[in-house]
Amino acid sequence: MQQCETRYAKVNDGDFYRGVVDAGEHGSALVFASDEQLELLRLETRVHFDANFKVVPTVFYQLFTLFAPFADAAFPVVYALMLRKTQALYSLLEYSRK
């Protein structure tokens, strides 16, 4: 993942912007997650996801969100602003979480 160093990439002095996932001609995505969110994700063997098309800025195609189950709920742990909706990009996002 390509990184970016700027104060706008941080939340509470920790990294939030994680970089660009690039699937070449199949699209790319900007990935966001805090250290705490990534730790929750790392501990889980299963995740849930949601794709939303109506809340994204015009330049993006969708907001893809990974949720980690905890107790009786699921919490968002990774956000990806995707330029395209392709299997290759979904697979790359799944691979990059490991």
N, C-alpha and C. Protein backbone atom coordinates (compact mmCIF):
# COMPACT_ATOMS: atom_id res chain seq x y z
N MET A 1 0.82 -1.17 0.00
CA MET A 1 0.00 0.00 0.00
C MET A 1 0.87 1.24 0.00
N GLN A 2 0.53 2.20 -0.82
CA GLN A 2 1.24 3.47 -0.89
C GLN A 2 0.81 4.35 0.28
N GLN A 3 1.77 4.90 1.03
CA GLN A 3 1.49 5.70 2.22
C GLN A 3 1.51 7.19 1.91
N CYS A 4 0.97 7.98 2.84
CA CYS A 4 0.94 9.43 2.71
C CYS A 4 1.22 10.03 4.08
N GLU A 5 2.17 10.94 4.17
CA GLU A 5 2.50 11.59 5.42
C GLU A 5 1.92 13.01 5.43
N THR A 6 0.87 13.21 6.19
CA THR A 6 0.26 14.52 6.36
C THR A 6 -0.54 14.51 7.66
N ARG A 7 -0.74 15.65 8.23
CA ARG A 7 -1.51 15.71 9.48
C ARG A 7 -2.97 15.30 9.26
N TYR A 8 -3.43 15.39 8.03
CA TYR A 8 -4.81 15.01 7.73
C TYR A 8 -5.00 13.50 7.65
N ALA A 9 -3.90 12.76 7.71
CA ALA A 9 -3.96 11.29 7.66
C ALA A 9 -3.96 10.69 9.05
N LYS A 10 -4.11 11.51 10.08
CA LYS A 10 -4.00 11.05 11.46
C LYS A 10 -5.29 11.32 12.24
N VAL A 11 -5.53 10.48 13.25
CA VAL A 11 -6.62 10.66 14.20
C VAL A 11 -6.03 10.43 15.59
N ASN A 12 -6.20 11.39 16.48
CA ASN A 12 -5.66 11.27 17.84
C ASN A 12 -4.18 10.90 17.84
N ASP A 13 -3.40 11.52 16.98
CA ASP A 13 -1.96 11.31 16.85
C ASP A 13 -1.58 9.93 16.32
N GLY A 14 -2.54 9.14 15.90
CA GLY A 14 -2.24 7.83 15.30
C GLY A 14 -2.62 7.84 13.83
N ASP A 15 -2.05 6.92 13.08
CA ASP A 15 -2.37 6.83 11.65
C ASP A 15 -3.83 6.42 11.44
N PHE A 16 -4.48 7.04 10.48
CA PHE A 16 -5.84 6.66 10.07
C PHE A 16 -5.84 6.34 8.58
N TYR A 17 -5.21 7.20 7.78
CA TYR A 17 -5.07 6.91 6.35
C TYR A 17 -3.99 5.85 6.20
N ARG A 18 -4.32 4.72 5.57
CA ARG A 18 -3.40 3.60 5.46
C ARG A 18 -2.76 3.46 4.09
N GLY A 19 -3.28 4.15 3.10
CA GLY A 19 -2.66 4.11 1.80
C GLY A 19 -3.63 3.75 0.68
N VAL A 20 -3.04 3.50 -0.49
CA VAL A 20 -3.81 3.16 -1.69
C VAL A 20 -3.62 1.69 -1.99
N VAL A 21 -4.72 0.99 -2.19
CA VAL A 21 -4.68 -0.37 -2.71
C VAL A 21 -4.93 -0.25 -4.20
N ASP A 22 -3.99 -0.73 -5.00
CA ASP A 22 -4.06 -0.55 -6.45
C ASP A 22 -4.16 -1.90 -7.16
N ALA A 23 -5.27 -2.11 -7.86
CA ALA A 23 -5.48 -3.33 -8.63
C ALA A 23 -5.30 -3.05 -10.12
N GLY A 24 -4.50 -2.04 -10.46
CA GLY A 24 -4.22 -1.72 -11.85
C GLY A 24 -5.48 -1.29 -12.59
N GLU A 25 -5.71 -1.89 -13.75
CA GLU A 25 -6.88 -1.53 -14.56
C GLU A 25 -8.20 -1.90 -13.89
N HIS A 26 -8.13 -2.67 -12.81
CA HIS A 26 -9.34 -3.09 -12.10
C HIS A 26 -9.75 -2.11 -11.00
N GLY A 27 -8.99 -1.02 -10.86
CA GLY A 27 -9.38 0.02 -9.91
C GLY A 27 -8.43 0.14 -8.74
N SER A 28 -8.71 1.14 -7.91
CA SER A 28 -7.92 1.37 -6.71
C SER A 28 -8.85 1.88 -5.62
N ALA A 29 -8.30 1.93 -4.39
CA ALA A 29 -9.09 2.38 -3.25
C ALA A 29 -8.19 3.06 -2.24
N LEU A 30 -8.72 4.07 -1.57
CA LEU A 30 -8.05 4.70 -0.43
C LEU A 30 -8.54 3.98 0.82
N VAL A 31 -7.62 3.56 1.68
CA VAL A 31 -7.97 2.76 2.85
C VAL A 31 -7.72 3.55 4.13
N PHE A 32 -8.70 3.48 5.05
CA PHE A 32 -8.63 4.20 6.32
C PHE A 32 -8.95 3.25 7.47
N ALA A 33 -8.12 3.29 8.53
CA ALA A 33 -8.37 2.52 9.75
C ALA A 33 -7.40 2.98 10.82
N SER A 34 -7.86 3.06 12.05
CA SER A 34 -6.97 3.41 13.16
C SER A 34 -6.22 2.17 13.63
N ASP A 35 -5.20 2.38 14.44
CA ASP A 35 -4.46 1.24 15.00
C ASP A 35 -5.38 0.35 15.82
N GLU A 36 -6.26 0.95 16.60
CA GLU A 36 -7.20 0.19 17.43
C GLU A 36 -8.15 -0.63 16.56
N GLN A 37 -8.63 -0.04 15.47
CA GLN A 37 -9.53 -0.77 14.57
C GLN A 37 -8.81 -1.95 13.92
N LEU A 38 -7.57 -1.74 13.52
CA LEU A 38 -6.81 -2.83 12.90
C LEU A 38 -6.53 -3.95 13.89
N GLU A 39 -6.35 -3.61 15.16
CA GLU A 39 -6.15 -4.64 16.17
C GLU A 39 -7.41 -5.48 16.34
N LEU A 40 -8.58 -4.85 16.36
CA LEU A 40 -9.85 -5.59 16.42
C LEU A 40 -9.97 -6.52 15.22
N LEU A 41 -9.63 -6.01 14.06
CA LEU A 41 -9.72 -6.81 12.84
C LEU A 41 -8.75 -7.99 12.88
N ARG A 42 -7.55 -7.75 13.38
CA ARG A 42 -6.54 -8.80 13.45
C ARG A 42 -6.99 -9.97 14.33
N LEU A 43 -7.75 -9.68 15.37
CA LEU A 43 -8.20 -10.70 16.30
C LEU A 43 -9.37 -11.52 15.79
N GLU A 44 -10.02 -11.06 14.75
CA GLU A 44 -11.22 -11.73 14.23
C GLU A 44 -10.90 -12.73 13.13
N THR A 45 -11.63 -13.83 13.12
CA THR A 45 -11.51 -14.81 12.04
C THR A 45 -12.59 -14.62 10.99
N ARG A 46 -13.60 -13.83 11.32
CA ARG A 46 -14.66 -13.53 10.35
C ARG A 46 -14.98 -12.04 10.40
N VAL A 47 -15.42 -11.52 9.30
CA VAL A 47 -15.80 -10.11 9.22
C VAL A 47 -17.11 -9.99 8.45
N HIS A 48 -17.73 -8.87 8.61
CA HIS A 48 -18.92 -8.51 7.83
C HIS A 48 -18.53 -7.31 6.98
N PHE A 49 -19.28 -7.04 5.93
CA PHE A 49 -18.97 -5.89 5.11
C PHE A 49 -20.24 -5.25 4.60
N ASP A 50 -20.09 -4.00 4.18
CA ASP A 50 -21.20 -3.24 3.60
C ASP A 50 -20.63 -2.36 2.50
N ALA A 51 -21.35 -2.22 1.43
CA ALA A 51 -20.96 -1.33 0.33
C ALA A 51 -22.05 -0.28 0.17
N ASN A 52 -21.66 0.99 0.25
CA ASN A 52 -22.62 2.07 0.13
C ASN A 52 -22.22 2.95 -1.04
N PHE A 53 -23.20 3.29 -1.85
CA PHE A 53 -22.93 4.05 -3.07
C PHE A 53 -23.41 5.49 -3.00
N LYS A 54 -24.24 5.81 -2.01
CA LYS A 54 -24.87 7.13 -1.98
C LYS A 54 -24.13 8.17 -1.15
N VAL A 55 -23.19 7.76 -0.32
CA VAL A 55 -22.55 8.72 0.59
C VAL A 55 -21.14 9.12 0.16
N VAL A 56 -20.68 8.65 -0.97
CA VAL A 56 -19.30 8.91 -1.39
C VAL A 56 -19.18 10.19 -2.22
N PRO A 57 -18.02 10.85 -2.14
CA PRO A 57 -17.79 11.99 -3.03
C PRO A 57 -17.88 11.54 -4.49
N THR A 58 -18.20 12.44 -5.37
CA THR A 58 -18.47 12.14 -6.77
C THR A 58 -17.36 11.36 -7.47
N VAL A 59 -16.12 11.61 -7.13
CA VAL A 59 -14.99 10.96 -7.81
C VAL A 59 -14.92 9.46 -7.49
N PHE A 60 -15.51 9.02 -6.38
CA PHE A 60 -15.46 7.61 -6.00
C PHE A 60 -16.73 6.88 -6.39
N TYR A 61 -16.62 5.55 -6.48
CA TYR A 61 -17.77 4.74 -6.86
C TYR A 61 -18.53 4.24 -5.63
N GLN A 62 -17.77 3.81 -4.59
CA GLN A 62 -18.45 3.30 -3.41
C GLN A 62 -17.57 3.41 -2.17
N LEU A 63 -18.24 3.36 -1.01
CA LEU A 63 -17.57 3.24 0.28
C LEU A 63 -17.76 1.80 0.73
N PHE A 64 -16.65 1.08 0.84
CA PHE A 64 -16.66 -0.31 1.27
C PHE A 64 -16.19 -0.34 2.71
N THR A 65 -16.99 -0.92 3.61
CA THR A 65 -16.67 -0.94 5.03
C THR A 65 -16.60 -2.36 5.54
N LEU A 66 -15.51 -2.69 6.26
CA LEU A 66 -15.37 -3.98 6.94
C LEU A 66 -15.76 -3.80 8.39
N PHE A 67 -16.53 -4.75 8.92
CA PHE A 67 -16.98 -4.72 10.31
C PHE A 67 -16.43 -5.93 11.04
N ALA A 68 -16.01 -5.73 12.28
CA ALA A 68 -15.56 -6.83 13.13
C ALA A 68 -16.63 -7.07 14.19
N PRO A 69 -17.08 -8.32 14.34
CA PRO A 69 -18.06 -8.60 15.39
C PRO A 69 -17.42 -8.52 16.77
N PHE A 70 -18.15 -7.97 17.72
CA PHE A 70 -17.69 -7.89 19.10
C PHE A 70 -18.91 -7.95 20.00
N ALA A 71 -18.93 -8.88 20.94
CA ALA A 71 -20.08 -9.11 21.80
C ALA A 71 -21.30 -9.38 20.91
N ASP A 72 -22.35 -8.62 21.06
CA ASP A 72 -23.56 -8.83 20.25
C ASP A 72 -23.72 -7.78 19.16
N ALA A 73 -22.62 -7.19 18.73
CA ALA A 73 -22.69 -6.13 17.72
C ALA A 73 -21.53 -6.27 16.74
N ALA A 74 -21.55 -5.46 15.71
CA ALA A 74 -20.45 -5.40 14.74
C ALA A 74 -20.04 -3.94 14.61
N PHE A 75 -18.73 -3.71 14.60
CA PHE A 75 -18.20 -2.35 14.57
C PHE A 75 -17.36 -2.12 13.32
N PRO A 76 -17.49 -0.94 12.69
CA PRO A 76 -16.68 -0.66 11.49
C PRO A 76 -15.21 -0.55 11.88
N VAL A 77 -14.36 -1.24 11.13
CA VAL A 77 -12.93 -1.22 11.45
C VAL A 77 -12.06 -0.78 10.28
N VAL A 78 -12.54 -0.91 9.05
CA VAL A 78 -11.79 -0.47 7.87
C VAL A 78 -12.76 0.17 6.89
N TYR A 79 -12.34 1.31 6.35
CA TYR A 79 -13.12 2.01 5.33
C TYR A 79 -12.28 2.09 4.07
N ALA A 80 -12.89 1.84 2.92
CA ALA A 80 -12.18 1.96 1.65
C ALA A 80 -13.04 2.75 0.67
N LEU A 81 -12.51 3.87 0.19
CA LEU A 81 -13.17 4.64 -0.85
C LEU A 81 -12.69 4.08 -2.18
N MET A 82 -13.58 3.41 -2.91
CA MET A 82 -13.20 2.67 -4.11
C MET A 82 -13.56 3.43 -5.38
N LEU A 83 -12.65 3.38 -6.35
CA LEU A 83 -12.90 4.02 -7.65
C LEU A 83 -13.72 3.13 -8.58
N ARG A 84 -13.65 1.81 -8.37
CA ARG A 84 -14.41 0.87 -9.19
C ARG A 84 -14.91 -0.26 -8.30
N LYS A 85 -15.85 -1.01 -8.81
CA LYS A 85 -16.40 -2.17 -8.11
C LYS A 85 -16.00 -3.40 -8.92
N THR A 86 -14.86 -4.00 -8.56
CA THR A 86 -14.38 -5.17 -9.30
C THR A 86 -13.97 -6.26 -8.33
N GLN A 87 -14.05 -7.50 -8.78
CA GLN A 87 -13.65 -8.64 -7.96
C GLN A 87 -12.17 -8.54 -7.60
N ALA A 88 -11.34 -8.10 -8.53
CA ALA A 88 -9.90 -7.98 -8.28
C ALA A 88 -9.64 -6.99 -7.14
N LEU A 89 -10.35 -5.89 -7.10
CA LEU A 89 -10.15 -4.91 -6.05
C LEU A 89 -10.66 -5.43 -4.71
N TYR A 90 -11.82 -6.08 -4.70
CA TYR A 90 -12.32 -6.70 -3.47
C TYR A 90 -11.32 -7.72 -2.94
N SER A 91 -10.76 -8.54 -3.83
CA SER A 91 -9.79 -9.56 -3.42
C SER A 91 -8.54 -8.92 -2.85
N LEU A 92 -8.08 -7.84 -3.45
CA LEU A 92 -6.89 -7.16 -2.96
C LEU A 92 -7.14 -6.54 -1.59
N LEU A 93 -8.33 -5.99 -1.37
CA LEU A 93 -8.67 -5.46 -0.06
C LEU A 93 -8.69 -6.58 0.98
N GLU A 94 -9.24 -7.72 0.63
CA GLU A 94 -9.28 -8.86 1.54
C GLU A 94 -7.85 -9.33 1.85
N TYR A 95 -7.00 -9.43 0.84
CA TYR A 95 -5.63 -9.87 1.02
C TYR A 95 -4.85 -8.87 1.90
N SER A 96 -5.09 -7.59 1.73
CA SER A 96 -4.31 -6.58 2.47
C SER A 96 -4.69 -6.53 3.93
N ARG A 97 -5.80 -7.11 4.31
CA ARG A 97 -6.19 -7.10 5.75
C ARG A 97 -5.45 -8.16 6.53
N LYS A 98 -4.81 -9.12 5.87
CA LYS A 98 -4.14 -10.23 6.57
C LYS A 98 -2.75 -9.88 7.00
